[in-house]
Amino acid sequence: MISKEDAFKAISNVIDPEVGFNLVEMGLIYDAVSDEDNNVSVTMTLSTRACPLHQMMIQWVEEAVMKHTDAASCKAEVVWEPEWSFEMADQHVKDKLNQFANRQI
């Protein structure tokens, strides 16, 4: 079986092109489970419902799990509860985004 940690490690290769951080450190990946046949199911969200890359992000997650693990299949599902917030991101992501937001032009 593929562990949650292995799936998250694989998904950490997927970078959100709008902010330059991976989906795991952004806090957008909620869970990953595998059955005994190595079929992986990923529960994720997006930072906004209006994300123009909605379908691409799902595809990238599924492709990353397939490429970087021994998964037989991968299905990613986007959920909106709990709603993503900035506080779900890893601390270094929050620090970097705060630096960017606080820069004076």
PDB file of N, CA and C in Angstrom:
ATOM      1  N   MET A   1       0.832  -1.192   0.000  1.00  0.00           N
ATOM      2  CA  MET A   1       0.000   0.000   0.000  1.00  0.00           C
ATOM      3  C   MET A   1       0.871   1.248   0.000  1.00  0.00           C
ATOM      4  N   ILE A   2       0.373   2.276  -0.639  1.00  0.00           N
ATOM      5  CA  ILE A   2       1.053   3.569  -0.672  1.00  0.00           C
ATOM      6  C   ILE A   2       0.701   4.307   0.618  1.00  0.00           C
ATOM      7  N   SER A   3       1.702   4.758   1.339  1.00  0.00           N
ATOM      8  CA  SER A   3       1.430   5.491   2.575  1.00  0.00           C
ATOM      9  C   SER A   3       1.018   6.930   2.264  1.00  0.00           C
ATOM     10  N   LYS A   4       0.353   7.527   3.228  1.00  0.00           N
ATOM     11  CA  LYS A   4      -0.023   8.936   3.115  1.00  0.00           C
ATOM     12  C   LYS A   4       1.231   9.783   2.916  1.00  0.00           C
ATOM     13  N   GLU A   5       2.279   9.462   3.645  1.00  0.00           N
ATOM     14  CA  GLU A   5       3.526  10.220   3.543  1.00  0.00           C
ATOM     15  C   GLU A   5       4.128  10.110   2.151  1.00  0.00           C
ATOM     16  N   ASP A   6       4.085   8.909   1.555  1.00  0.00           N
ATOM     17  CA  ASP A   6       4.611   8.734   0.202  1.00  0.00           C
ATOM     18  C   ASP A   6       3.799   9.535  -0.813  1.00  0.00           C
ATOM     19  N   ALA A   7       2.482   9.531  -0.657  1.00  0.00           N
ATOM     20  CA  ALA A   7       1.630  10.302  -1.563  1.00  0.00           C
ATOM     21  C   ALA A   7       1.904  11.797  -1.415  1.00  0.00           C
ATOM     22  N   PHE A   8       2.013  12.270  -0.163  1.00  0.00           N
ATOM     23  CA  PHE A   8       2.296  13.686   0.062  1.00  0.00           C
ATOM     24  C   PHE A   8       3.662  14.066  -0.515  1.00  0.00           C
ATOM     25  N   LYS A   9       4.634  13.180  -0.357  1.00  0.00           N
ATOM     26  CA  LYS A   9       5.963  13.443  -0.912  1.00  0.00           C
ATOM     27  C   LYS A   9       5.882  13.568  -2.430  1.00  0.00           C
ATOM     28  N   ALA A  10       5.115  12.705  -3.067  1.00  0.00           N
ATOM     29  CA  ALA A  10       4.943  12.773  -4.519  1.00  0.00           C
ATOM     30  C   ALA A  10       4.257  14.076  -4.926  1.00  0.00           C
ATOM     31  N   ILE A  11       3.222  14.441  -4.205  1.00  0.00           N
ATOM     32  CA  ILE A  11       2.462  15.653  -4.524  1.00  0.00           C
ATOM     33  C   ILE A  11       3.279  16.906  -4.265  1.00  0.00           C
ATOM     34  N   SER A  12       4.271  16.820  -3.397  1.00  0.00           N
ATOM     35  CA  SER A  12       5.110  17.995  -3.127  1.00  0.00           C
ATOM     36  C   SER A  12       5.913  18.411  -4.357  1.00  0.00           C
ATOM     37  N   ASN A  13       5.874  17.615  -5.400  1.00  0.00           N
ATOM     38  CA  ASN A  13       6.491  17.992  -6.671  1.00  0.00           C
ATOM     39  C   ASN A  13       5.601  18.922  -7.505  1.00  0.00           C
ATOM     40  N   VAL A  14       4.354  19.087  -7.083  1.00  0.00           N
ATOM     41  CA  VAL A  14       3.412  19.931  -7.816  1.00  0.00           C
ATOM     42  C   VAL A  14       3.466  21.341  -7.236  1.00  0.00           C
ATOM     43  N   ILE A  15       3.873  22.279  -8.073  1.00  0.00           N
ATOM     44  CA  ILE A  15       4.031  23.672  -7.664  1.00  0.00           C
ATOM     45  C   ILE A  15       2.829  24.490  -8.116  1.00  0.00           C
ATOM     46  N   ASP A  16       2.281  25.283  -7.206  1.00  0.00           N
ATOM     47  CA  ASP A  16       1.223  26.220  -7.580  1.00  0.00           C
ATOM     48  C   ASP A  16       1.892  27.347  -8.358  1.00  0.00           C
ATOM     49  N   PRO A  17       1.609  27.465  -9.647  1.00  0.00           N
ATOM     50  CA  PRO A  17       2.323  28.448 -10.470  1.00  0.00           C
ATOM     51  C   PRO A  17       2.045  29.903 -10.097  1.00  0.00           C
ATOM     52  N   GLU A  18       0.964  30.150  -9.383  1.00  0.00           N
ATOM     53  CA  GLU A  18       0.650  31.529  -9.001  1.00  0.00           C
ATOM     54  C   GLU A  18       1.508  32.019  -7.846  1.00  0.00           C
ATOM     55  N   VAL A  19       1.924  31.112  -6.961  1.00  0.00           N
ATOM     56  CA  VAL A  19       2.684  31.547  -5.789  1.00  0.00           C
ATOM     57  C   VAL A  19       4.065  30.905  -5.679  1.00  0.00           C
ATOM     58  N   GLY A  20       4.297  29.835  -6.447  1.00  0.00           N
ATOM     59  CA  GLY A  20       5.618  29.217  -6.473  1.00  0.00           C
ATOM     60  C   GLY A  20       5.914  28.240  -5.345  1.00  0.00           C
ATOM     61  N   PHE A  21       4.904  27.842  -4.583  1.00  0.00           N
ATOM     62  CA  PHE A  21       5.079  26.858  -3.521  1.00  0.00           C
ATOM     63  C   PHE A  21       4.353  25.579  -3.900  1.00  0.00           C
ATOM     64  N   ASN A  22       4.795  24.454  -3.320  1.00  0.00           N
ATOM     65  CA  ASN A  22       4.103  23.210  -3.653  1.00  0.00           C
ATOM     66  C   ASN A  22       2.782  23.104  -2.890  1.00  0.00           C
ATOM     67  N   LEU A  23       1.905  22.256  -3.412  1.00  0.00           N
ATOM     68  CA  LEU A  23       0.553  22.149  -2.869  1.00  0.00           C
ATOM     69  C   LEU A  23       0.516  21.630  -1.447  1.00  0.00           C
ATOM     70  N   VAL A  24       1.483  20.796  -1.075  1.00  0.00           N
ATOM     71  CA  VAL A  24       1.515  20.259   0.283  1.00  0.00           C
ATOM     72  C   VAL A  24       1.869  21.369   1.265  1.00  0.00           C
ATOM     73  N   GLU A  25       2.924  22.130   0.981  1.00  0.00           N
ATOM     74  CA  GLU A  25       3.321  23.192   1.905  1.00  0.00           C
ATOM     75  C   GLU A  25       2.323  24.347   1.926  1.00  0.00           C
ATOM     76  N   MET A  26       1.506  24.446   0.880  1.00  0.00           N
ATOM     77  CA  MET A  26       0.436  25.452   0.876  1.00  0.00           C
ATOM     78  C   MET A  26      -0.736  25.011   1.755  1.00  0.00           C
ATOM     79  N   GLY A  27      -0.767  23.729   2.131  1.00  0.00           N
ATOM     80  CA  GLY A  27      -1.864  23.221   2.949  1.00  0.00           C
ATOM     81  C   GLY A  27      -3.093  22.859   2.131  1.00  0.00           C
ATOM     82  N   LEU A  28      -2.912  22.682   0.829  1.00  0.00           N
ATOM     83  CA  LEU A  28      -4.038  22.389  -0.056  1.00  0.00           C
ATOM     84  C   LEU A  28      -4.364  20.900  -0.149  1.00  0.00           C
ATOM     85  N   ILE A  29      -3.467  20.045   0.336  1.00  0.00           N
ATOM     86  CA  ILE A  29      -3.699  18.605   0.304  1.00  0.00           C
ATOM     87  C   ILE A  29      -4.148  18.173   1.693  1.00  0.00           C
ATOM     88  N   TYR A  30      -5.364  17.673   1.776  1.00  0.00           N
ATOM     89  CA  TYR A  30      -5.939  17.311   3.064  1.00  0.00           C
ATOM     90  C   TYR A  30      -5.654  15.867   3.460  1.00  0.00           C
ATOM     91  N   ASP A  31      -5.718  14.946   2.496  1.00  0.00           N
ATOM     92  CA  ASP A  31      -5.549  13.541   2.854  1.00  0.00           C
ATOM     93  C   ASP A  31      -5.192  12.740   1.610  1.00  0.00           C
ATOM     94  N   ALA A  32      -4.617  11.573   1.831  1.00  0.00           N
ATOM     95  CA  ALA A  32      -4.338  10.608   0.767  1.00  0.00           C
ATOM     96  C   ALA A  32      -4.414   9.224   1.380  1.00  0.00           C
ATOM     97  N   VAL A  33      -5.211   8.366   0.769  1.00  0.00           N
ATOM     98  CA  VAL A  33      -5.352   6.994   1.247  1.00  0.00           C
ATOM     99  C   VAL A  33      -5.193   6.038   0.076  1.00  0.00           C
ATOM    100  N   SER A  34      -4.727   4.848   0.402  1.00  0.00           N
ATOM    101  CA  SER A  34      -4.513   3.814  -0.608  1.00  0.00           C
ATOM    102  C   SER A  34      -5.208   2.538  -0.168  1.00  0.00           C
ATOM    103  N   ASP A  35      -5.760   1.827  -1.132  1.00  0.00           N
ATOM    104  CA  ASP A  35      -6.310   0.513  -0.795  1.00  0.00           C
ATOM    105  C   ASP A  35      -5.240  -0.544  -1.008  1.00  0.00           C
ATOM    106  N   GLU A  36      -5.577  -1.796  -0.753  1.00  0.00           N
ATOM    107  CA  GLU A  36      -4.590  -2.873  -0.855  1.00  0.00           C
ATOM    108  C   GLU A  36      -4.104  -3.114  -2.284  1.00  0.00           C
ATOM    109  N   ASP A  37      -4.821  -2.568  -3.275  1.00  0.00           N
ATOM    110  CA  ASP A  37      -4.407  -2.693  -4.673  1.00  0.00           C
ATOM    111  C   ASP A  37      -3.605  -1.484  -5.158  1.00  0.00           C
ATOM    112  N   ASN A  38      -3.231  -0.605  -4.232  1.00  0.00           N
ATOM    113  CA  ASN A  38      -2.463   0.614  -4.528  1.00  0.00           C
ATOM    114  C   ASN A  38      -3.229   1.632  -5.354  1.00  0.00           C
ATOM    115  N   ASN A  39      -4.538   1.660  -5.208  1.00  0.00           N
ATOM    116  CA  ASN A  39      -5.351   2.716  -5.790  1.00  0.00           C
ATOM    117  C   ASN A  39      -5.390   3.853  -4.771  1.00  0.00           C
ATOM    118  N   VAL A  40      -4.931   5.019  -5.175  1.00  0.00           N
ATOM    119  CA  VAL A  40      -4.789   6.144  -4.255  1.00  0.00           C
ATOM    120  C   VAL A  40      -5.917   7.147  -4.475  1.00  0.00           C
ATOM    121  N   SER A  41      -6.452   7.631  -3.378  1.00  0.00           N
ATOM    122  CA  SER A  41      -7.478   8.667  -3.393  1.00  0.00           C
ATOM    123  C   SER A  41      -6.941   9.866  -2.620  1.00  0.00           C
ATOM    124  N   VAL A  42      -6.925  11.019  -3.280  1.00  0.00           N
ATOM    125  CA  VAL A  42      -6.406  12.248  -2.668  1.00  0.00           C
ATOM    126  C   VAL A  42      -7.562  13.218  -2.452  1.00  0.00           C
ATOM    127  N   THR A  43      -7.627  13.776  -1.260  1.00  0.00           N
ATOM    128  CA  THR A  43      -8.595  14.826  -0.955  1.00  0.00           C
ATOM    129  C   THR A  43      -7.823  16.130  -0.863  1.00  0.00           C
ATOM    130  N   MET A  44      -8.260  17.087  -1.650  1.00  0.00           N
ATOM    131  CA  MET A  44      -7.541  18.356  -1.734  1.00  0.00           C
ATOM    132  C   MET A  44      -8.528  19.502  -1.867  1.00  0.00           C
ATOM    133  N   THR A  45      -7.999  20.699  -1.787  1.00  0.00           N
ATOM    134  CA  THR A  45      -8.787  21.884  -2.043  1.00  0.00           C
ATOM    135  C   THR A  45      -7.960  22.836  -2.883  1.00  0.00           C
ATOM    136  N   LEU A  46      -8.517  23.957  -3.192  1.00  0.00           N
ATOM    137  CA  LEU A  46      -7.811  25.016  -3.912  1.00  0.00           C
ATOM    138  C   LEU A  46      -7.954  26.295  -3.101  1.00  0.00           C
ATOM    139  N   SER A  47      -7.097  27.243  -3.365  1.00  0.00           N
ATOM    140  CA  SER A  47      -7.127  28.470  -2.561  1.00  0.00           C
ATOM    141  C   SER A  47      -8.367  29.307  -2.846  1.00  0.00           C
ATOM    142  N   THR A  48      -8.987  29.092  -4.004  1.00  0.00           N
ATOM    143  CA  THR A  48     -10.211  29.805  -4.356  1.00  0.00           C
ATOM    144  C   THR A  48     -11.045  28.953  -5.292  1.00  0.00           C
ATOM    145  N   ARG A  49     -12.349  29.090  -5.192  1.00  0.00           N
ATOM    146  CA  ARG A  49     -13.247  28.351  -6.082  1.00  0.00           C
ATOM    147  C   ARG A  49     -13.090  28.815  -7.524  1.00  0.00           C
ATOM    148  N   ALA A  50     -12.607  30.015  -7.715  1.00  0.00           N
ATOM    149  CA  ALA A  50     -12.461  30.578  -9.056  1.00  0.00           C
ATOM    150  C   ALA A  50     -11.090  30.284  -9.667  1.00  0.00           C
ATOM    151  N   CYS A  51     -10.355  29.350  -9.106  1.00  0.00           N
ATOM    152  CA  CYS A  51      -9.017  29.030  -9.605  1.00  0.00           C
ATOM    153  C   CYS A  51      -9.087  28.662 -11.092  1.00  0.00           C
ATOM    154  N   PRO A  52      -8.381  29.395 -11.941  1.00  0.00           N
ATOM    155  CA  PRO A  52      -8.427  29.100 -13.374  1.00  0.00           C
ATOM    156  C   PRO A  52      -7.730  27.793 -13.746  1.00  0.00           C
ATOM    157  N   LEU A  53      -6.939  27.253 -12.829  1.00  0.00           N
ATOM    158  CA  LEU A  53      -6.208  26.013 -13.088  1.00  0.00           C
ATOM    159  C   LEU A  53      -6.837  24.802 -12.395  1.00  0.00           C
ATOM    160  N   HIS A  54      -8.092  24.914 -12.024  1.00  0.00           N
ATOM    161  CA  HIS A  54      -8.799  23.882 -11.265  1.00  0.00           C
ATOM    162  C   HIS A  54      -8.545  22.484 -11.834  1.00  0.00           C
ATOM    163  N   GLN A  55      -8.894  22.258 -13.068  1.00  0.00           N
ATOM    164  CA  GLN A  55      -8.747  20.929 -13.669  1.00  0.00           C
ATOM    165  C   GLN A  55      -7.288  20.532 -13.825  1.00  0.00           C
ATOM    166  N   MET A  56      -6.430  21.489 -14.150  1.00  0.00           N
ATOM    167  CA  MET A  56      -5.003  21.198 -14.301  1.00  0.00           C
ATOM    168  C   MET A  56      -4.383  20.771 -12.979  1.00  0.00           C
ATOM    169  N   MET A  57      -4.769  21.416 -11.889  1.00  0.00           N
ATOM    170  CA  MET A  57      -4.217  21.070 -10.575  1.00  0.00           C
ATOM    171  C   MET A  57      -4.588  19.632 -10.213  1.00  0.00           C
ATOM    172  N   ILE A  58      -5.822  19.251 -10.475  1.00  0.00           N
ATOM    173  CA  ILE A  58      -6.247  17.871 -10.225  1.00  0.00           C
ATOM    174  C   ILE A  58      -5.397  16.913 -11.043  1.00  0.00           C
ATOM    175  N   GLN A  59      -5.246  17.221 -12.309  1.00  0.00           N
ATOM    176  CA  GLN A  59      -4.446  16.369 -13.201  1.00  0.00           C
ATOM    177  C   GLN A  59      -3.005  16.276 -12.735  1.00  0.00           C
ATOM    178  N   TRP A  60      -2.414  17.392 -12.343  1.00  0.00           N
ATOM    179  CA  TRP A  60      -1.022  17.397 -11.882  1.00  0.00           C
ATOM    180  C   TRP A  60      -0.844  16.539 -10.634  1.00  0.00           C
ATOM    181  N   VAL A  61      -1.803  16.615  -9.712  1.00  0.00           N
ATOM    182  CA  VAL A  61      -1.734  15.802  -8.489  1.00  0.00           C
ATOM    183  C   VAL A  61      -1.792  14.319  -8.848  1.00  0.00           C
ATOM    184  N   GLU A  62      -2.745  13.948  -9.674  1.00  0.00           N
ATOM    185  CA  GLU A  62      -2.883  12.548 -10.064  1.00  0.00           C
ATOM    186  C   GLU A  62      -1.630  12.050 -10.785  1.00  0.00           C
ATOM    187  N   GLU A  63      -1.109  12.863 -11.689  1.00  0.00           N
ATOM    188  CA  GLU A  63       0.103  12.479 -12.427  1.00  0.00           C
ATOM    189  C   GLU A  63       1.307  12.345 -11.501  1.00  0.00           C
ATOM    190  N   ALA A  64       1.435  13.234 -10.522  1.00  0.00           N
ATOM    191  CA  ALA A  64       2.566  13.183  -9.596  1.00  0.00           C
ATOM    192  C   ALA A  64       2.535  11.901  -8.774  1.00  0.00           C
ATOM    193  N   VAL A  65       1.369  11.526  -8.280  1.00  0.00           N
ATOM    194  CA  VAL A  65       1.256  10.292  -7.494  1.00  0.00           C
ATOM    195  C   VAL A  65       1.599   9.090  -8.367  1.00  0.00           C
ATOM    196  N   MET A  66       1.114   9.083  -9.588  1.00  0.00           N
ATOM    197  CA  MET A  66       1.392   7.963 -10.488  1.00  0.00           C
ATOM    198  C   MET A  66       2.883   7.891 -10.842  1.00  0.00           C
ATOM    199  N   LYS A  67       3.502   9.031 -11.039  1.00  0.00           N
ATOM    200  CA  LYS A  67       4.916   9.075 -11.446  1.00  0.00           C
ATOM    201  C   LYS A  67       5.870   8.738 -10.305  1.00  0.00           C
ATOM    202  N   HIS A  68       5.567   9.193  -9.102  1.00  0.00           N
ATOM    203  CA  HIS A  68       6.524   9.107  -8.003  1.00  0.00           C
ATOM    204  C   HIS A  68       6.221   8.018  -6.973  1.00  0.00           C
ATOM    205  N   THR A  69       5.194   7.208  -7.220  1.00  0.00           N
ATOM    206  CA  THR A  69       4.891   6.078  -6.331  1.00  0.00           C
ATOM    207  C   THR A  69       4.580   4.859  -7.196  1.00  0.00           C
ATOM    208  N   ASP A  70       4.267   3.762  -6.550  1.00  0.00           N
ATOM    209  CA  ASP A  70       3.860   2.545  -7.251  1.00  0.00           C
ATOM    210  C   ASP A  70       2.337   2.440  -7.344  1.00  0.00           C
ATOM    211  N   ALA A  71       1.655   3.567  -7.347  1.00  0.00           N
ATOM    212  CA  ALA A  71       0.191   3.562  -7.392  1.00  0.00           C
ATOM    213  C   ALA A  71      -0.306   2.922  -8.684  1.00  0.00           C
ATOM    214  N   ALA A  72      -1.362   2.123  -8.541  1.00  0.00           N
ATOM    215  CA  ALA A  72      -2.021   1.537  -9.711  1.00  0.00           C
ATOM    216  C   ALA A  72      -2.928   2.565 -10.372  1.00  0.00           C
ATOM    217  N   SER A  73      -3.497   3.445  -9.554  1.00  0.00           N
ATOM    218  CA  SER A  73      -4.343   4.529 -10.049  1.00  0.00           C
ATOM    219  C   SER A  73      -4.358   5.632  -9.006  1.00  0.00           C
ATOM    220  N   CYS A  74      -4.806   6.801  -9.430  1.00  0.00           N
ATOM    221  CA  CYS A  74      -4.943   7.924  -8.490  1.00  0.00           C
ATOM    222  C   CYS A  74      -6.129   8.766  -8.922  1.00  0.00           C
ATOM    223  N   LYS A  75      -6.961   9.080  -7.956  1.00  0.00           N
ATOM    224  CA  LYS A  75      -8.111   9.942  -8.175  1.00  0.00           C
ATOM    225  C   LYS A  75      -8.062  11.048  -7.140  1.00  0.00           C
ATOM    226  N   ALA A  76      -8.001  12.291  -7.609  1.00  0.00           N
ATOM    227  CA  ALA A  76      -8.002  13.443  -6.705  1.00  0.00           C
ATOM    228  C   ALA A  76      -9.379  14.094  -6.723  1.00  0.00           C
ATOM    229  N   GLU A  77      -9.857  14.421  -5.541  1.00  0.00           N
ATOM    230  CA  GLU A  77     -11.162  15.066  -5.396  1.00  0.00           C
ATOM    231  C   GLU A  77     -10.978  16.403  -4.685  1.00  0.00           C
ATOM    232  N   VAL A  78     -11.564  17.446  -5.257  1.00  0.00           N
ATOM    233  CA  VAL A  78     -11.531  18.767  -4.642  1.00  0.00           C
ATOM    234  C   VAL A  78     -12.751  18.921  -3.745  1.00  0.00           C
ATOM    235  N   VAL A  79     -12.484  19.335  -2.511  1.00  0.00           N
ATOM    236  CA  VAL A  79     -13.555  19.617  -1.554  1.00  0.00           C
ATOM    237  C   VAL A  79     -13.435  21.078  -1.121  1.00  0.00           C
ATOM    238  N   TRP A  80     -14.524  21.618  -0.624  1.00  0.00           N
ATOM    239  CA  TRP A  80     -14.522  23.024  -0.196  1.00  0.00           C
ATOM    240  C   TRP A  80     -14.722  23.170   1.299  1.00  0.00           C
ATOM    241  N   GLU A  81     -14.841  22.076   2.000  1.00  0.00           N
ATOM    242  CA  GLU A  81     -14.945  22.075   3.461  1.00  0.00           C
ATOM    243  C   GLU A  81     -13.889  21.131   4.005  1.00  0.00           C
ATOM    244  N   PRO A  82     -13.015  21.541   4.872  1.00  0.00           N
ATOM    245  CA  PRO A  82     -12.920  22.921   5.353  1.00  0.00           C
ATOM    246  C   PRO A  82     -12.357  23.835   4.274  1.00  0.00           C
ATOM    247  N   GLU A  83     -12.804  25.054   4.315  1.00  0.00           N
ATOM    248  CA  GLU A  83     -12.341  26.056   3.363  1.00  0.00           C
ATOM    249  C   GLU A  83     -10.873  26.383   3.651  1.00  0.00           C
ATOM    250  N   TRP A  84     -10.063  26.461   2.592  1.00  0.00           N
ATOM    251  CA  TRP A  84      -8.649  26.765   2.761  1.00  0.00           C
ATOM    252  C   TRP A  84      -8.479  28.192   3.265  1.00  0.00           C
ATOM    253  N   SER A  85      -7.499  28.356   4.146  1.00  0.00           N
ATOM    254  CA  SER A  85      -7.117  29.690   4.601  1.00  0.00           C
ATOM    255  C   SER A  85      -5.597  29.772   4.641  1.00  0.00           C
ATOM    256  N   PHE A  86      -5.101  30.961   4.613  1.00  0.00           N
ATOM    257  CA  PHE A  86      -3.675  31.251   4.665  1.00  0.00           C
ATOM    258  C   PHE A  86      -3.015  30.547   5.849  1.00  0.00           C
ATOM    259  N   GLU A  87      -3.730  30.404   6.940  1.00  0.00           N
ATOM    260  CA  GLU A  87      -3.191  29.789   8.156  1.00  0.00           C
ATOM    261  C   GLU A  87      -2.887  28.298   7.986  1.00  0.00           C
ATOM    262  N   MET A  88      -3.394  27.669   6.947  1.00  0.00           N
ATOM    263  CA  MET A  88      -3.145  26.245   6.711  1.00  0.00           C
ATOM    264  C   MET A  88      -1.778  25.993   6.087  1.00  0.00           C
ATOM    265  N   ALA A  89      -1.147  27.023   5.580  1.00  0.00           N
ATOM    266  CA  ALA A  89       0.158  26.895   4.928  1.00  0.00           C
ATOM    267  C   ALA A  89       1.255  26.683   5.971  1.00  0.00           C
ATOM    268  N   ASP A  90       2.344  26.027   5.531  1.00  0.00           N
ATOM    269  CA  ASP A  90       3.516  25.875   6.393  1.00  0.00           C
ATOM    270  C   ASP A  90       4.045  27.258   6.767  1.00  0.00           C
ATOM    271  N   GLN A  91       4.724  27.340   7.898  1.00  0.00           N
ATOM    272  CA  GLN A  91       5.202  28.628   8.404  1.00  0.00           C
ATOM    273  C   GLN A  91       6.121  29.338   7.412  1.00  0.00           C
ATOM    274  N   HIS A  92       7.015  28.624   6.756  1.00  0.00           N
ATOM    275  CA  HIS A  92       7.933  29.301   5.824  1.00  0.00           C
ATOM    276  C   HIS A  92       7.180  29.893   4.640  1.00  0.00           C
ATOM    277  N   VAL A  93       6.059  29.300   4.247  1.00  0.00           N
ATOM    278  CA  VAL A  93       5.239  29.859   3.175  1.00  0.00           C
ATOM    279  C   VAL A  93       4.592  31.149   3.661  1.00  0.00           C
ATOM    280  N   LYS A  94       4.033  31.108   4.863  1.00  0.00           N
ATOM    281  CA  LYS A  94       3.411  32.309   5.434  1.00  0.00           C
ATOM    282  C   LYS A  94       4.437  33.435   5.556  1.00  0.00           C
ATOM    283  N   ASP A  95       5.643  33.099   6.019  1.00  0.00           N
ATOM    284  CA  ASP A  95       6.685  34.111   6.178  1.00  0.00           C
ATOM    285  C   ASP A  95       7.037  34.749   4.839  1.00  0.00           C
ATOM    286  N   LYS A  96       7.200  33.914   3.808  1.00  0.00           N
ATOM    287  CA  LYS A  96       7.574  34.415   2.484  1.00  0.00           C
ATOM    288  C   LYS A  96       6.468  35.277   1.886  1.00  0.00           C
ATOM    289  N   LEU A  97       5.228  34.828   2.008  1.00  0.00           N
ATOM    290  CA  LEU A  97       4.112  35.602   1.462  1.00  0.00           C
ATOM    291  C   LEU A  97       3.918  36.907   2.223  1.00  0.00           C
ATOM    292  N   ASN A  98       4.159  36.886   3.545  1.00  0.00           N
ATOM    293  CA  ASN A  98       4.076  38.124   4.323  1.00  0.00           C
ATOM    294  C   ASN A  98       5.156  39.097   3.898  1.00  0.00           C
ATOM    295  N   GLN A  99       6.369  38.591   3.637  1.00  0.00           N
ATOM    296  CA  GLN A  99       7.450  39.463   3.156  1.00  0.00           C
ATOM    297  C   GLN A  99       7.054  40.120   1.848  1.00  0.00           C
ATOM    298  N   PHE A 100       6.480  39.340   0.960  1.00  0.00           N
ATOM    299  CA  PHE A 100       6.073  39.849  -0.336  1.00  0.00           C
ATOM    300  C   PHE A 100       4.978  40.910  -0.175  1.00  0.00           C
ATOM    301  N   ALA A 101       3.999  40.629   0.680  1.00  0.00           N
ATOM    302  CA  ALA A 101       2.884  41.535   0.871  1.00  0.00           C
ATOM    303  C   ALA A 101       3.324  42.840   1.538  1.00  0.00           C
ATOM    304  N   ASN A 102       4.372  42.769   2.359  1.00  0.00           N
ATOM    305  CA  ASN A 102       4.819  43.943   3.103  1.00  0.00           C
ATOM    306  C   ASN A 102       5.881  44.764   2.381  1.00  0.00           C
ATOM    307  N   ARG A 103       6.324  44.306   1.209  1.00  0.00           N
ATOM    308  CA  ARG A 103       7.313  45.096   0.465  1.00  0.00           C
ATOM    309  C   ARG A 103       6.709  46.400   0.002  1.00  0.00           C
ATOM    310  N   GLN A 104       7.490  47.434   0.139  1.00  0.00           N
ATOM    311  CA  GLN A 104       7.013  48.742  -0.320  1.00  0.00           C
ATOM    312  C   GLN A 104       7.491  48.952  -1.741  1.00  0.00           C
ATOM    313  N   ILE A 105       6.617  49.500  -2.544  1.00  0.00           N
ATOM    314  CA  ILE A 105       6.956  49.753  -3.953  1.00  0.00           C
ATOM    315  C   ILE A 105       7.318  51.207  -4.120  1.00  0.00           C
TER     316      ILE A 105
END
